[in-house]
Amino acid sequence: MKALPEHDLKIATATAATENPSRLINRLCKHWGHKFPVQHDEHKGEIQLPIGNCQLQVAEGGLQVVVEAAEAEQLQKLQQIVADHLERMATGEALSVTWQ
């Protein structure tokens, strides 16, 4: 994927309260690793989707999520896709992703 100049990117962040953010990073990265370029370890992950990038990082009290895309419409779609998938990956745990 061609890197975009930072000033052209639209960015949204979220923090999801979870007791096991490493598990979510691992599950989501493995899920998407079959289709998209992914890098991850137990503390952070990065997924390069066709419409933008998703960065995941263990944070105090949960999981920090940053998504970035070239256009506002793509960013909104990416936020929905990532939130939906994180909620599915959090089996047995009520997870709420609130974007800022």
PDB file of N, CA and C in Angstrom:
ATOM      1  N   MET A   1       0.848  -1.170   0.000  1.00  0.00           N
ATOM      2  CA  MET A   1       0.000   0.000   0.000  1.00  0.00           C
ATOM      3  C   MET A   1       0.891   1.229   0.000  1.00  0.00           C
ATOM      4  N   LYS A   2       0.591   2.183  -0.840  1.00  0.00           N
ATOM      5  CA  LYS A   2       1.352   3.418  -0.930  1.00  0.00           C
ATOM      6  C   LYS A   2       1.100   4.270   0.312  1.00  0.00           C
ATOM      7  N   ALA A   3       2.168   4.704   0.946  1.00  0.00           N
ATOM      8  CA  ALA A   3       2.035   5.554   2.137  1.00  0.00           C
ATOM      9  C   ALA A   3       1.554   6.941   1.717  1.00  0.00           C
ATOM     10  N   LEU A   4       0.651   7.481   2.488  1.00  0.00           N
ATOM     11  CA  LEU A   4       0.133   8.814   2.218  1.00  0.00           C
ATOM     12  C   LEU A   4       0.875   9.833   3.067  1.00  0.00           C
ATOM     13  N   PRO A   5       1.069  11.048   2.557  1.00  0.00           N
ATOM     14  CA  PRO A   5       1.658  12.076   3.413  1.00  0.00           C
ATOM     15  C   PRO A   5       0.773  12.286   4.639  1.00  0.00           C
ATOM     16  N   GLU A   6       1.409  12.422   5.810  1.00  0.00           N
ATOM     17  CA  GLU A   6       0.647  12.506   7.051  1.00  0.00           C
ATOM     18  C   GLU A   6      -0.379  13.625   7.059  1.00  0.00           C
ATOM     19  N   HIS A   7      -0.074  14.752   6.459  1.00  0.00           N
ATOM     20  CA  HIS A   7      -1.011  15.881   6.502  1.00  0.00           C
ATOM     21  C   HIS A   7      -2.282  15.622   5.708  1.00  0.00           C
ATOM     22  N   ASP A   8      -2.277  14.606   4.860  1.00  0.00           N
ATOM     23  CA  ASP A   8      -3.456  14.290   4.063  1.00  0.00           C
ATOM     24  C   ASP A   8      -4.367  13.259   4.731  1.00  0.00           C
ATOM     25  N   LEU A   9      -3.906  12.661   5.825  1.00  0.00           N
ATOM     26  CA  LEU A   9      -4.669  11.594   6.458  1.00  0.00           C
ATOM     27  C   LEU A   9      -5.733  12.127   7.405  1.00  0.00           C
ATOM     28  N   LYS A  10      -6.857  11.422   7.421  1.00  0.00           N
ATOM     29  CA  LYS A  10      -7.913  11.640   8.411  1.00  0.00           C
ATOM     30  C   LYS A  10      -7.687  10.578   9.478  1.00  0.00           C
ATOM     31  N   ILE A  11      -7.736  10.983  10.757  1.00  0.00           N
ATOM     32  CA  ILE A  11      -7.407  10.066  11.845  1.00  0.00           C
ATOM     33  C   ILE A  11      -8.503  10.069  12.898  1.00  0.00           C
ATOM     34  N   ALA A  12      -8.807   8.879  13.421  1.00  0.00           N
ATOM     35  CA  ALA A  12      -9.741   8.735  14.542  1.00  0.00           C
ATOM     36  C   ALA A  12      -9.098   7.807  15.563  1.00  0.00           C
ATOM     37  N   THR A  13      -9.355   8.084  16.841  1.00  0.00           N
ATOM     38  CA  THR A  13      -8.823   7.245  17.905  1.00  0.00           C
ATOM     39  C   THR A  13      -9.951   6.768  18.807  1.00  0.00           C
ATOM     40  N   ALA A  14      -9.708   5.650  19.462  1.00  0.00           N
ATOM     41  CA  ALA A  14     -10.678   5.109  20.405  1.00  0.00           C
ATOM     42  C   ALA A  14      -9.926   4.336  21.473  1.00  0.00           C
ATOM     43  N   THR A  15     -10.524   4.260  22.645  1.00  0.00           N
ATOM     44  CA  THR A  15     -10.028   3.382  23.697  1.00  0.00           C
ATOM     45  C   THR A  15     -11.174   2.465  24.094  1.00  0.00           C
ATOM     46  N   ALA A  16     -10.909   1.181  24.067  1.00  0.00           N
ATOM     47  CA  ALA A  16     -11.919   0.188  24.439  1.00  0.00           C
ATOM     48  C   ALA A  16     -11.496  -0.435  25.759  1.00  0.00           C
ATOM     49  N   ALA A  17     -12.367  -0.344  26.762  1.00  0.00           N
ATOM     50  CA  ALA A  17     -12.070  -0.954  28.055  1.00  0.00           C
ATOM     51  C   ALA A  17     -12.120  -2.467  27.918  1.00  0.00           C
ATOM     52  N   THR A  18     -11.015  -3.115  28.280  1.00  0.00           N
ATOM     53  CA  THR A  18     -10.936  -4.567  28.225  1.00  0.00           C
ATOM     54  C   THR A  18      -9.879  -5.034  29.213  1.00  0.00           C
ATOM     55  N   GLU A  19     -10.094  -6.210  29.771  1.00  0.00           N
ATOM     56  CA  GLU A  19      -9.117  -6.772  30.694  1.00  0.00           C
ATOM     57  C   GLU A  19      -7.991  -7.496  29.963  1.00  0.00           C
ATOM     58  N   ASN A  20      -8.190  -7.784  28.678  1.00  0.00           N
ATOM     59  CA  ASN A  20      -7.184  -8.527  27.942  1.00  0.00           C
ATOM     60  C   ASN A  20      -6.945  -7.941  26.549  1.00  0.00           C
ATOM     61  N   PRO A  21      -6.329  -6.754  26.475  1.00  0.00           N
ATOM     62  CA  PRO A  21      -6.104  -6.136  25.165  1.00  0.00           C
ATOM     63  C   PRO A  21      -5.168  -6.945  24.269  1.00  0.00           C
ATOM     64  N   SER A  22      -4.206  -7.641  24.860  1.00  0.00           N
ATOM     65  CA  SER A  22      -3.283  -8.455  24.051  1.00  0.00           C
ATOM     66  C   SER A  22      -4.029  -9.537  23.284  1.00  0.00           C
ATOM     67  N   ARG A  23      -5.013 -10.127  23.921  1.00  0.00           N
ATOM     68  CA  ARG A  23      -5.821 -11.166  23.266  1.00  0.00           C
ATOM     69  C   ARG A  23      -6.556 -10.593  22.057  1.00  0.00           C
ATOM     70  N   LEU A  24      -7.126  -9.393  22.213  1.00  0.00           N
ATOM     71  CA  LEU A  24      -7.839  -8.765  21.092  1.00  0.00           C
ATOM     72  C   LEU A  24      -6.900  -8.438  19.940  1.00  0.00           C
ATOM     73  N   ILE A  25      -5.728  -7.902  20.274  1.00  0.00           N
ATOM     74  CA  ILE A  25      -4.743  -7.592  19.226  1.00  0.00           C
ATOM     75  C   ILE A  25      -4.398  -8.869  18.460  1.00  0.00           C
ATOM     76  N   ASN A  26      -4.091  -9.922  19.189  1.00  0.00           N
ATOM     77  CA  ASN A  26      -3.717 -11.194  18.572  1.00  0.00           C
ATOM     78  C   ASN A  26      -4.838 -11.752  17.698  1.00  0.00           C
ATOM     79  N   ARG A  27      -6.049 -11.768  18.225  1.00  0.00           N
ATOM     80  CA  ARG A  27      -7.178 -12.346  17.475  1.00  0.00           C
ATOM     81  C   ARG A  27      -7.484 -11.544  16.202  1.00  0.00           C
ATOM     82  N   LEU A  28      -7.534 -10.211  16.316  1.00  0.00           N
ATOM     83  CA  LEU A  28      -7.872  -9.399  15.147  1.00  0.00           C
ATOM     84  C   LEU A  28      -6.769  -9.468  14.091  1.00  0.00           C
ATOM     85  N   CYS A  29      -5.516  -9.409  14.529  1.00  0.00           N
ATOM     86  CA  CYS A  29      -4.416  -9.481  13.561  1.00  0.00           C
ATOM     87  C   CYS A  29      -4.355 -10.838  12.869  1.00  0.00           C
ATOM     88  N   LYS A  30      -4.581 -11.915  13.604  1.00  0.00           N
ATOM     89  CA  LYS A  30      -4.597 -13.240  12.963  1.00  0.00           C
ATOM     90  C   LYS A  30      -5.789 -13.371  12.014  1.00  0.00           C
ATOM     91  N   HIS A  31      -6.930 -12.811  12.406  1.00  0.00           N
ATOM     92  CA  HIS A  31      -8.131 -12.862  11.569  1.00  0.00           C
ATOM     93  C   HIS A  31      -7.877 -12.178  10.228  1.00  0.00           C
ATOM     94  N   TRP A  32      -7.300 -10.984  10.272  1.00  0.00           N
ATOM     95  CA  TRP A  32      -7.086 -10.225   9.045  1.00  0.00           C
ATOM     96  C   TRP A  32      -5.765 -10.548   8.359  1.00  0.00           C
ATOM     97  N   GLY A  33      -4.883 -11.272   9.050  1.00  0.00           N
ATOM     98  CA  GLY A  33      -3.576 -11.596   8.479  1.00  0.00           C
ATOM     99  C   GLY A  33      -3.633 -12.478   7.249  1.00  0.00           C
ATOM    100  N   HIS A  34      -4.774 -13.128   7.034  1.00  0.00           N
ATOM    101  CA  HIS A  34      -4.930 -13.980   5.852  1.00  0.00           C
ATOM    102  C   HIS A  34      -5.230 -13.166   4.595  1.00  0.00           C
ATOM    103  N   LYS A  35      -5.685 -11.911   4.785  1.00  0.00           N
ATOM    104  CA  LYS A  35      -6.092 -11.081   3.648  1.00  0.00           C
ATOM    105  C   LYS A  35      -5.239  -9.830   3.468  1.00  0.00           C
ATOM    106  N   PHE A  36      -4.706  -9.296   4.571  1.00  0.00           N
ATOM    107  CA  PHE A  36      -4.034  -7.992   4.530  1.00  0.00           C
ATOM    108  C   PHE A  36      -2.667  -8.066   5.201  1.00  0.00           C
ATOM    109  N   PRO A  37      -1.761  -7.139   4.850  1.00  0.00           N
ATOM    110  CA  PRO A  37      -0.473  -7.079   5.548  1.00  0.00           C
ATOM    111  C   PRO A  37      -0.689  -6.722   7.026  1.00  0.00           C
ATOM    112  N   VAL A  38      -0.091  -7.528   7.904  1.00  0.00           N
ATOM    113  CA  VAL A  38      -0.276  -7.365   9.349  1.00  0.00           C
ATOM    114  C   VAL A  38       1.065  -7.548  10.047  1.00  0.00           C
ATOM    115  N   GLN A  39       1.288  -6.736  11.069  1.00  0.00           N
ATOM    116  CA  GLN A  39       2.431  -6.917  11.966  1.00  0.00           C
ATOM    117  C   GLN A  39       1.879  -6.812  13.374  1.00  0.00           C
ATOM    118  N   HIS A  40       2.309  -7.735  14.259  1.00  0.00           N
ATOM    119  CA  HIS A  40       1.820  -7.636  15.634  1.00  0.00           C
ATOM    120  C   HIS A  40       2.684  -8.425  16.597  1.00  0.00           C
ATOM    121  N   ASP A  41       2.592  -8.011  17.855  1.00  0.00           N
ATOM    122  CA  ASP A  41       3.156  -8.761  18.962  1.00  0.00           C
ATOM    123  C   ASP A  41       2.150  -8.637  20.109  1.00  0.00           C
ATOM    124  N   GLU A  42       2.533  -8.972  21.315  1.00  0.00           N
ATOM    125  CA  GLU A  42       1.556  -8.968  22.408  1.00  0.00           C
ATOM    126  C   GLU A  42       1.175  -7.569  22.888  1.00  0.00           C
ATOM    127  N   HIS A  43       1.906  -6.537  22.446  1.00  0.00           N
ATOM    128  CA  HIS A  43       1.634  -5.175  22.916  1.00  0.00           C
ATOM    129  C   HIS A  43       1.058  -4.243  21.851  1.00  0.00           C
ATOM    130  N   LYS A  44       1.252  -4.586  20.588  1.00  0.00           N
ATOM    131  CA  LYS A  44       0.771  -3.695  19.524  1.00  0.00           C
ATOM    132  C   LYS A  44       0.549  -4.469  18.234  1.00  0.00           C
ATOM    133  N   GLY A  45      -0.248  -3.862  17.355  1.00  0.00           N
ATOM    134  CA  GLY A  45      -0.497  -4.467  16.058  1.00  0.00           C
ATOM    135  C   GLY A  45      -0.796  -3.395  15.026  1.00  0.00           C
ATOM    136  N   GLU A  46      -0.503  -3.701  13.783  1.00  0.00           N
ATOM    137  CA  GLU A  46      -0.826  -2.795  12.685  1.00  0.00           C
ATOM    138  C   GLU A  46      -1.380  -3.612  11.531  1.00  0.00           C
ATOM    139  N   ILE A  47      -2.497  -3.144  11.001  1.00  0.00           N
ATOM    140  CA  ILE A  47      -3.173  -3.819   9.898  1.00  0.00           C
ATOM    141  C   ILE A  47      -3.330  -2.815   8.769  1.00  0.00           C
ATOM    142  N   GLN A  48      -2.883  -3.187   7.579  1.00  0.00           N
ATOM    143  CA  GLN A  48      -3.003  -2.318   6.410  1.00  0.00           C
ATOM    144  C   GLN A  48      -4.169  -2.812   5.566  1.00  0.00           C
ATOM    145  N   LEU A  49      -5.309  -2.153   5.722  1.00  0.00           N
ATOM    146  CA  LEU A  49      -6.498  -2.501   4.950  1.00  0.00           C
ATOM    147  C   LEU A  49      -6.520  -1.665   3.671  1.00  0.00           C
ATOM    148  N   PRO A  50      -7.271  -2.087   2.666  1.00  0.00           N
ATOM    149  CA  PRO A  50      -7.304  -1.337   1.407  1.00  0.00           C
ATOM    150  C   PRO A  50      -7.766   0.117   1.554  1.00  0.00           C
ATOM    151  N   ILE A  51      -8.611   0.403   2.541  1.00  0.00           N
ATOM    152  CA  ILE A  51      -9.119   1.776   2.683  1.00  0.00           C
ATOM    153  C   ILE A  51      -8.375   2.593   3.738  1.00  0.00           C
ATOM    154  N   GLY A  52      -7.425   1.973   4.441  1.00  0.00           N
ATOM    155  CA  GLY A  52      -6.663   2.705   5.447  1.00  0.00           C
ATOM    156  C   GLY A  52      -5.942   1.765   6.396  1.00  0.00           C
ATOM    157  N   ASN A  53      -5.313   2.346   7.398  1.00  0.00           N
ATOM    158  CA  ASN A  53      -4.540   1.569   8.359  1.00  0.00           C
ATOM    159  C   ASN A  53      -5.205   1.560   9.723  1.00  0.00           C
ATOM    160  N   CYS A  54      -4.948   0.500  10.463  1.00  0.00           N
ATOM    161  CA  CYS A  54      -5.441   0.350  11.827  1.00  0.00           C
ATOM    162  C   CYS A  54      -4.257   0.003  12.719  1.00  0.00           C
ATOM    163  N   GLN A  55      -4.081   0.776  13.794  1.00  0.00           N
ATOM    164  CA  GLN A  55      -3.036   0.502  14.767  1.00  0.00           C
ATOM    165  C   GLN A  55      -3.690   0.189  16.106  1.00  0.00           C
ATOM    166  N   LEU A  56      -3.224  -0.855  16.748  1.00  0.00           N
ATOM    167  CA  LEU A  56      -3.748  -1.306  18.032  1.00  0.00           C
ATOM    168  C   LEU A  56      -2.607  -1.306  19.031  1.00  0.00           C
ATOM    169  N   GLN A  57      -2.892  -0.863  20.259  1.00  0.00           N
ATOM    170  CA  GLN A  57      -1.845  -0.856  21.270  1.00  0.00           C
ATOM    171  C   GLN A  57      -2.451  -1.064  22.651  1.00  0.00           C
ATOM    172  N   VAL A  58      -1.756  -1.867  23.456  1.00  0.00           N
ATOM    173  CA  VAL A  58      -2.165  -2.058  24.838  1.00  0.00           C
ATOM    174  C   VAL A  58      -2.044  -0.704  25.543  1.00  0.00           C
ATOM    175  N   ALA A  59      -3.105  -0.328  26.245  1.00  0.00           N
ATOM    176  CA  ALA A  59      -3.120   0.933  26.989  1.00  0.00           C
ATOM    177  C   ALA A  59      -3.595   0.651  28.407  1.00  0.00           C
ATOM    178  N   GLU A  60      -3.387   1.588  29.280  1.00  0.00           N
ATOM    179  CA  GLU A  60      -3.847   1.423  30.657  1.00  0.00           C
ATOM    180  C   GLU A  60      -5.363   1.251  30.663  1.00  0.00           C
ATOM    181  N   GLY A  61      -5.816   0.129  31.183  1.00  0.00           N
ATOM    182  CA  GLY A  61      -7.243  -0.133  31.277  1.00  0.00           C
ATOM    183  C   GLY A  61      -7.897  -0.636  30.007  1.00  0.00           C
ATOM    184  N   GLY A  62      -7.107  -0.884  28.952  1.00  0.00           N
ATOM    185  CA  GLY A  62      -7.753  -1.378  27.754  1.00  0.00           C
ATOM    186  C   GLY A  62      -6.891  -1.385  26.510  1.00  0.00           C
ATOM    187  N   LEU A  63      -7.548  -1.102  25.408  1.00  0.00           N
ATOM    188  CA  LEU A  63      -6.939  -1.165  24.086  1.00  0.00           C
ATOM    189  C   LEU A  63      -7.099   0.183  23.404  1.00  0.00           C
ATOM    190  N   GLN A  64      -5.994   0.742  22.942  1.00  0.00           N
ATOM    191  CA  GLN A  64      -6.059   1.982  22.165  1.00  0.00           C
ATOM    192  C   GLN A  64      -6.067   1.619  20.685  1.00  0.00           C
ATOM    193  N   VAL A  65      -6.981   2.238  19.947  1.00  0.00           N
ATOM    194  CA  VAL A  65      -7.131   1.970  18.522  1.00  0.00           C
ATOM    195  C   VAL A  65      -6.997   3.289  17.766  1.00  0.00           C
ATOM    196  N   VAL A  66      -6.185   3.291  16.717  1.00  0.00           N
ATOM    197  CA  VAL A  66      -6.037   4.458  15.850  1.00  0.00           C
ATOM    198  C   VAL A  66      -6.267   3.981  14.420  1.00  0.00           C
ATOM    199  N   VAL A  67      -7.193   4.635  13.731  1.00  0.00           N
ATOM    200  CA  VAL A  67      -7.410   4.330  12.317  1.00  0.00           C
ATOM    201  C   VAL A  67      -7.131   5.587  11.504  1.00  0.00           C
ATOM    202  N   GLU A  68      -6.619   5.384  10.301  1.00  0.00           N
ATOM    203  CA  GLU A  68      -6.316   6.515   9.426  1.00  0.00           C
ATOM    204  C   GLU A  68      -6.645   6.156   7.988  1.00  0.00           C
ATOM    205  N   ALA A  69      -7.192   7.138   7.291  1.00  0.00           N
ATOM    206  CA  ALA A  69      -7.581   6.947   5.896  1.00  0.00           C
ATOM    207  C   ALA A  69      -7.403   8.259   5.145  1.00  0.00           C
ATOM    208  N   ALA A  70      -7.423   8.189   3.842  1.00  0.00           N
ATOM    209  CA  ALA A  70      -7.199   9.369   3.018  1.00  0.00           C
ATOM    210  C   ALA A  70      -8.417  10.294   2.980  1.00  0.00           C
ATOM    211  N   GLU A  71      -9.615   9.718   3.086  1.00  0.00           N
ATOM    212  CA  GLU A  71     -10.842  10.515   2.960  1.00  0.00           C
ATOM    213  C   GLU A  71     -11.756  10.274   4.155  1.00  0.00           C
ATOM    214  N   ALA A  72     -12.565  11.273   4.488  1.00  0.00           N
ATOM    215  CA  ALA A  72     -13.470  11.191   5.639  1.00  0.00           C
ATOM    216  C   ALA A  72     -14.438  10.008   5.509  1.00  0.00           C
ATOM    217  N   GLU A  73     -14.946   9.767   4.312  1.00  0.00           N
ATOM    218  CA  GLU A  73     -15.880   8.658   4.096  1.00  0.00           C
ATOM    219  C   GLU A  73     -15.205   7.313   4.366  1.00  0.00           C
ATOM    220  N   GLN A  74     -13.964   7.168   3.903  1.00  0.00           N
ATOM    221  CA  GLN A  74     -13.214   5.937   4.150  1.00  0.00           C
ATOM    222  C   GLN A  74     -12.941   5.770   5.646  1.00  0.00           C
ATOM    223  N   LEU A  75     -12.626   6.873   6.319  1.00  0.00           N
ATOM    224  CA  LEU A  75     -12.359   6.820   7.749  1.00  0.00           C
ATOM    225  C   LEU A  75     -13.589   6.347   8.515  1.00  0.00           C
ATOM    226  N   GLN A  76     -14.736   6.871   8.164  1.00  0.00           N
ATOM    227  CA  GLN A  76     -15.977   6.480   8.834  1.00  0.00           C
ATOM    228  C   GLN A  76     -16.259   4.984   8.623  1.00  0.00           C
ATOM    229  N   LYS A  77     -16.058   4.517   7.417  1.00  0.00           N
ATOM    230  CA  LYS A  77     -16.269   3.098   7.112  1.00  0.00           C
ATOM    231  C   LYS A  77     -15.267   2.235   7.881  1.00  0.00           C
ATOM    232  N   LEU A  78     -14.023   2.673   7.929  1.00  0.00           N
ATOM    233  CA  LEU A  78     -12.982   1.940   8.636  1.00  0.00           C
ATOM    234  C   LEU A  78     -13.286   1.867  10.138  1.00  0.00           C
ATOM    235  N   GLN A  79     -13.770   2.948  10.704  1.00  0.00           N
ATOM    236  CA  GLN A  79     -14.149   2.954  12.117  1.00  0.00           C
ATOM    237  C   GLN A  79     -15.213   1.889  12.386  1.00  0.00           C
ATOM    238  N   GLN A  80     -16.211   1.823  11.543  1.00  0.00           N
ATOM    239  CA  GLN A  80     -17.296   0.853  11.722  1.00  0.00           C
ATOM    240  C   GLN A  80     -16.788  -0.579  11.579  1.00  0.00           C
ATOM    241  N   ILE A  81     -15.978  -0.822  10.568  1.00  0.00           N
ATOM    242  CA  ILE A  81     -15.443  -2.166  10.318  1.00  0.00           C
ATOM    243  C   ILE A  81     -14.583  -2.631  11.489  1.00  0.00           C
ATOM    244  N   VAL A  82     -13.679  -1.762  11.945  1.00  0.00           N
ATOM    245  CA  VAL A  82     -12.778  -2.137  13.034  1.00  0.00           C
ATOM    246  C   VAL A  82     -13.566  -2.357  14.328  1.00  0.00           C
ATOM    247  N   ALA A  83     -14.493  -1.467  14.649  1.00  0.00           N
ATOM    248  CA  ALA A  83     -15.298  -1.617  15.872  1.00  0.00           C
ATOM    249  C   ALA A  83     -16.098  -2.914  15.836  1.00  0.00           C
ATOM    250  N   ASP A  84     -16.752  -3.185  14.708  1.00  0.00           N
ATOM    251  CA  ASP A  84     -17.541  -4.419  14.579  1.00  0.00           C
ATOM    252  C   ASP A  84     -16.675  -5.658  14.791  1.00  0.00           C
ATOM    253  N   HIS A  85     -15.511  -5.681  14.169  1.00  0.00           N
ATOM    254  CA  HIS A  85     -14.637  -6.840  14.289  1.00  0.00           C
ATOM    255  C   HIS A  85     -14.078  -6.985  15.709  1.00  0.00           C
ATOM    256  N   LEU A  86     -13.707  -5.884  16.342  1.00  0.00           N
ATOM    257  CA  LEU A  86     -13.214  -5.966  17.716  1.00  0.00           C
ATOM    258  C   LEU A  86     -14.290  -6.515  18.650  1.00  0.00           C
ATOM    259  N   GLU A  87     -15.519  -6.051  18.465  1.00  0.00           N
ATOM    260  CA  GLU A  87     -16.619  -6.528  19.307  1.00  0.00           C
ATOM    261  C   GLU A  87     -16.843  -8.028  19.105  1.00  0.00           C
ATOM    262  N   ARG A  88     -16.695  -8.511  17.873  1.00  0.00           N
ATOM    263  CA  ARG A  88     -16.829  -9.946  17.601  1.00  0.00           C
ATOM    264  C   ARG A  88     -15.677 -10.750  18.201  1.00  0.00           C
ATOM    265  N   MET A  89     -14.470 -10.175  18.165  1.00  0.00           N
ATOM    266  CA  MET A  89     -13.287 -10.871  18.684  1.00  0.00           C
ATOM    267  C   MET A  89     -13.295 -10.943  20.209  1.00  0.00           C
ATOM    268  N   ALA A  90     -14.064 -10.087  20.852  1.00  0.00           N
ATOM    269  CA  ALA A  90     -14.110 -10.025  22.323  1.00  0.00           C
ATOM    270  C   ALA A  90     -15.143 -10.992  22.883  1.00  0.00           C
ATOM    271  N   THR A  91     -15.164 -12.196  22.381  1.00  0.00           N
ATOM    272  CA  THR A  91     -16.149 -13.179  22.816  1.00  0.00           C
ATOM    273  C   THR A  91     -16.123 -13.324  24.330  1.00  0.00           C
ATOM    274  N   GLY A  92     -17.316 -13.322  24.919  1.00  0.00           N
ATOM    275  CA  GLY A  92     -17.442 -13.460  26.361  1.00  0.00           C
ATOM    276  C   GLY A  92     -17.196 -12.185  27.124  1.00  0.00           C
ATOM    277  N   GLU A  93     -16.962 -11.088  26.423  1.00  0.00           N
ATOM    278  CA  GLU A  93     -16.671  -9.811  27.061  1.00  0.00           C
ATOM    279  C   GLU A  93     -17.471  -8.713  26.358  1.00  0.00           C
ATOM    280  N   ALA A  94     -18.149  -7.887  27.130  1.00  0.00           N
ATOM    281  CA  ALA A  94     -18.877  -6.756  26.530  1.00  0.00           C
ATOM    282  C   ALA A  94     -17.867  -5.667  26.214  1.00  0.00           C
ATOM    283  N   LEU A  95     -17.697  -5.386  24.941  1.00  0.00           N
ATOM    284  CA  LEU A  95     -16.707  -4.400  24.508  1.00  0.00           C
ATOM    285  C   LEU A  95     -17.410  -3.268  23.782  1.00  0.00           C
ATOM    286  N   SER A  96     -17.055  -2.057  24.142  1.00  0.00           N
ATOM    287  CA  SER A  96     -17.630  -0.899  23.489  1.00  0.00           C
ATOM    288  C   SER A  96     -16.497  -0.024  22.961  1.00  0.00           C
ATOM    289  N   VAL A  97     -16.538   0.289  21.674  1.00  0.00           N
ATOM    290  CA  VAL A  97     -15.523   1.123  21.046  1.00  0.00           C
ATOM    291  C   VAL A  97     -16.174   2.477  20.760  1.00  0.00           C
ATOM    292  N   THR A  98     -15.633   3.517  21.380  1.00  0.00           N
ATOM    293  CA  THR A  98     -16.160   4.870  21.200  1.00  0.00           C
ATOM    294  C   THR A  98     -15.066   5.719  20.538  1.00  0.00           C
ATOM    295  N   TRP A  99     -15.380   6.217  19.362  1.00  0.00           N
ATOM    296  CA  TRP A  99     -14.400   6.988  18.568  1.00  0.00           C
ATOM    297  C   TRP A  99     -14.392   8.454  18.958  1.00  0.00           C
ATOM    298  N   GLN A 100     -13.220   9.045  18.831  1.00  0.00           N
ATOM    299  CA  GLN A 100     -13.037  10.479  19.079  1.00  0.00           C
ATOM    300  C   GLN A 100     -12.453  11.129  17.847  1.00  0.00           C
TER     301      GLN A 100
END
